[in-house]
Structure formats: C-alpha cells, structure tokens
C-alpha cells in the first residue's frame, strides 16, 4: 500500500506587508480563514474597531501563498 500526500496550499499574512510597522504574522489553510484573524488583529493592535473596505482590500492584497519547501 502506498500513501500519497497531496500538498495543499497554505496562505500567510504579514501585517508589515500591508504598510504597518508591525511584526504580526498568521497563516491558514485558506485565504478566508485569515480574514477574521486579520480583523481581530486590526482591532486590538491598530484600534480599527470597524475595518474600512479599503483597508481590508489592502490587507487582502498582502496575503500570499506559502511555498512548499
């Protein structure tokens, strides 16, 4: 019997990639999994109790796919 491993993509977000001087990083199995984590971080670290659409788009643009090494 052979076991086949399929590499599923992972995604990561670095707050510094969105223009902030911030060391916060998070990763997840899907991009959608990252959104609530980013919003919570923005609320507590950057005092954004409501994340404006333009800021969320900026955060979304900073999400990258992890390379499987």
C-alpha atoms as a PDB file:
ATOM      1  CA  UNK A   1       0.000   0.000   0.000  1.00  0.00           C
ATOM      2  CA  UNK A   2       1.315   3.420  -0.967  1.00  0.00           C
ATOM      3  CA  UNK A   3       0.438   6.602   0.806  1.00  0.00           C
ATOM      4  CA  UNK A   4       0.186   9.659  -1.394  1.00  0.00           C
ATOM      5  CA  UNK A   5       0.498  13.064   0.169  1.00  0.00           C
ATOM      6  CA  UNK A   6      -1.046  15.943  -1.684  1.00  0.00           C
ATOM      7  CA  UNK A   7       0.465  19.281  -0.811  1.00  0.00           C
ATOM      8  CA  UNK A   8      -2.355  21.641  -0.024  1.00  0.00           C
ATOM      9  CA  UNK A   9      -1.559  25.309  -0.361  1.00  0.00           C
ATOM     10  CA  UNK A  10      -1.210  27.407   2.783  1.00  0.00           C
ATOM     11  CA  UNK A  11      -1.578  31.131   2.955  1.00  0.00           C
ATOM     12  CA  UNK A  12       0.059  33.714   5.180  1.00  0.00           C
ATOM     13  CA  UNK A  13      -0.353  37.340   6.095  1.00  0.00           C
ATOM     14  CA  UNK A  14       2.306  39.670   7.444  1.00  0.00           C
ATOM     15  CA  UNK A  15       0.942  42.940   8.732  1.00  0.00           C
ATOM     16  CA  UNK A  16       4.170  44.648   7.674  1.00  0.00           C
ATOM     17  CA  UNK A  17       3.378  43.715   4.045  1.00  0.00           C
ATOM     18  CA  UNK A  18       0.291  45.925   4.265  1.00  0.00           C
ATOM     19  CA  UNK A  19       2.277  49.015   5.210  1.00  0.00           C
ATOM     20  CA  UNK A  20       2.349  48.867   9.010  1.00  0.00           C
ATOM     21  CA  UNK A  21       5.430  48.707  11.213  1.00  0.00           C
ATOM     22  CA  UNK A  22       4.130  45.560  12.854  1.00  0.00           C
ATOM     23  CA  UNK A  23       5.519  42.075  13.379  1.00  0.00           C
ATOM     24  CA  UNK A  24       2.153  40.234  13.363  1.00  0.00           C
ATOM     25  CA  UNK A  25       2.067  37.159  11.121  1.00  0.00           C
ATOM     26  CA  UNK A  26      -0.593  34.497  10.696  1.00  0.00           C
ATOM     27  CA  UNK A  27      -1.145  31.586   8.347  1.00  0.00           C
ATOM     28  CA  UNK A  28      -4.027  29.337   7.426  1.00  0.00           C
ATOM     29  CA  UNK A  29      -5.288  26.675   5.073  1.00  0.00           C
ATOM     30  CA  UNK A  30      -7.488  29.126   3.153  1.00  0.00           C
ATOM     31  CA  UNK A  31      -7.498  32.832   2.476  1.00  0.00           C
ATOM     32  CA  UNK A  32     -10.983  33.052   4.003  1.00  0.00           C
ATOM     33  CA  UNK A  33      -9.657  31.536   7.236  1.00  0.00           C
ATOM     34  CA  UNK A  34      -7.316  34.506   7.596  1.00  0.00           C
ATOM     35  CA  UNK A  35      -9.936  37.281   7.316  1.00  0.00           C
ATOM     36  CA  UNK A  36     -11.374  37.062  10.861  1.00  0.00           C
ATOM     37  CA  UNK A  37      -7.879  36.729  12.337  1.00  0.00           C
ATOM     38  CA  UNK A  38      -6.730  39.835  10.459  1.00  0.00           C
ATOM     39  CA  UNK A  39      -9.811  41.773  11.597  1.00  0.00           C
ATOM     40  CA  UNK A  40      -9.210  40.828  15.250  1.00  0.00           C
ATOM     41  CA  UNK A  41      -5.575  41.853  14.945  1.00  0.00           C
ATOM     42  CA  UNK A  42      -6.533  45.180  13.328  1.00  0.00           C
ATOM     43  CA  UNK A  43      -8.987  45.854  16.144  1.00  0.00           C
ATOM     44  CA  UNK A  44      -6.643  45.218  19.049  1.00  0.00           C
ATOM     45  CA  UNK A  45      -3.272  46.214  17.592  1.00  0.00           C
ATOM     46  CA  UNK A  46      -4.297  49.133  15.381  1.00  0.00           C
ATOM     47  CA  UNK A  47      -7.521  50.378  17.045  1.00  0.00           C
ATOM     48  CA  UNK A  48      -9.657  49.616  13.991  1.00  0.00           C
ATOM     49  CA  UNK A  49     -12.950  48.665  15.573  1.00  0.00           C
ATOM     50  CA  UNK A  50     -14.503  48.661  12.114  1.00  0.00           C
ATOM     51  CA  UNK A  51     -12.122  47.775   9.293  1.00  0.00           C
ATOM     52  CA  UNK A  52     -12.953  50.004   6.313  1.00  0.00           C
ATOM     53  CA  UNK A  53     -13.338  48.266   2.967  1.00  0.00           C
ATOM     54  CA  UNK A  54     -10.259  49.977   1.503  1.00  0.00           C
ATOM     55  CA  UNK A  55      -8.126  48.777   4.461  1.00  0.00           C
ATOM     56  CA  UNK A  56      -9.497  45.234   4.199  1.00  0.00           C
ATOM     57  CA  UNK A  57      -8.614  45.267   0.492  1.00  0.00           C
ATOM     58  CA  UNK A  58      -5.108  46.404   1.441  1.00  0.00           C
ATOM     59  CA  UNK A  59      -4.863  43.518   3.929  1.00  0.00           C
ATOM     60  CA  UNK A  60      -6.232  41.025   1.383  1.00  0.00           C
ATOM     61  CA  UNK A  61      -3.628  42.157  -1.166  1.00  0.00           C
ATOM     62  CA  UNK A  62      -0.892  41.348   1.372  1.00  0.00           C
ATOM     63  CA  UNK A  63      -1.971  37.689   1.710  1.00  0.00           C
ATOM     64  CA  UNK A  64       0.437  35.372  -0.054  1.00  0.00           C
ATOM     65  CA  UNK A  65       0.606  31.673  -0.785  1.00  0.00           C
ATOM     66  CA  UNK A  66       3.309  29.805   1.133  1.00  0.00           C
ATOM     67  CA  UNK A  67       5.737  27.894  -0.993  1.00  0.00           C
ATOM     68  CA  UNK A  68       6.032  24.231  -0.110  1.00  0.00           C
ATOM     69  CA  UNK A  69       9.670  23.673   0.703  1.00  0.00           C
END
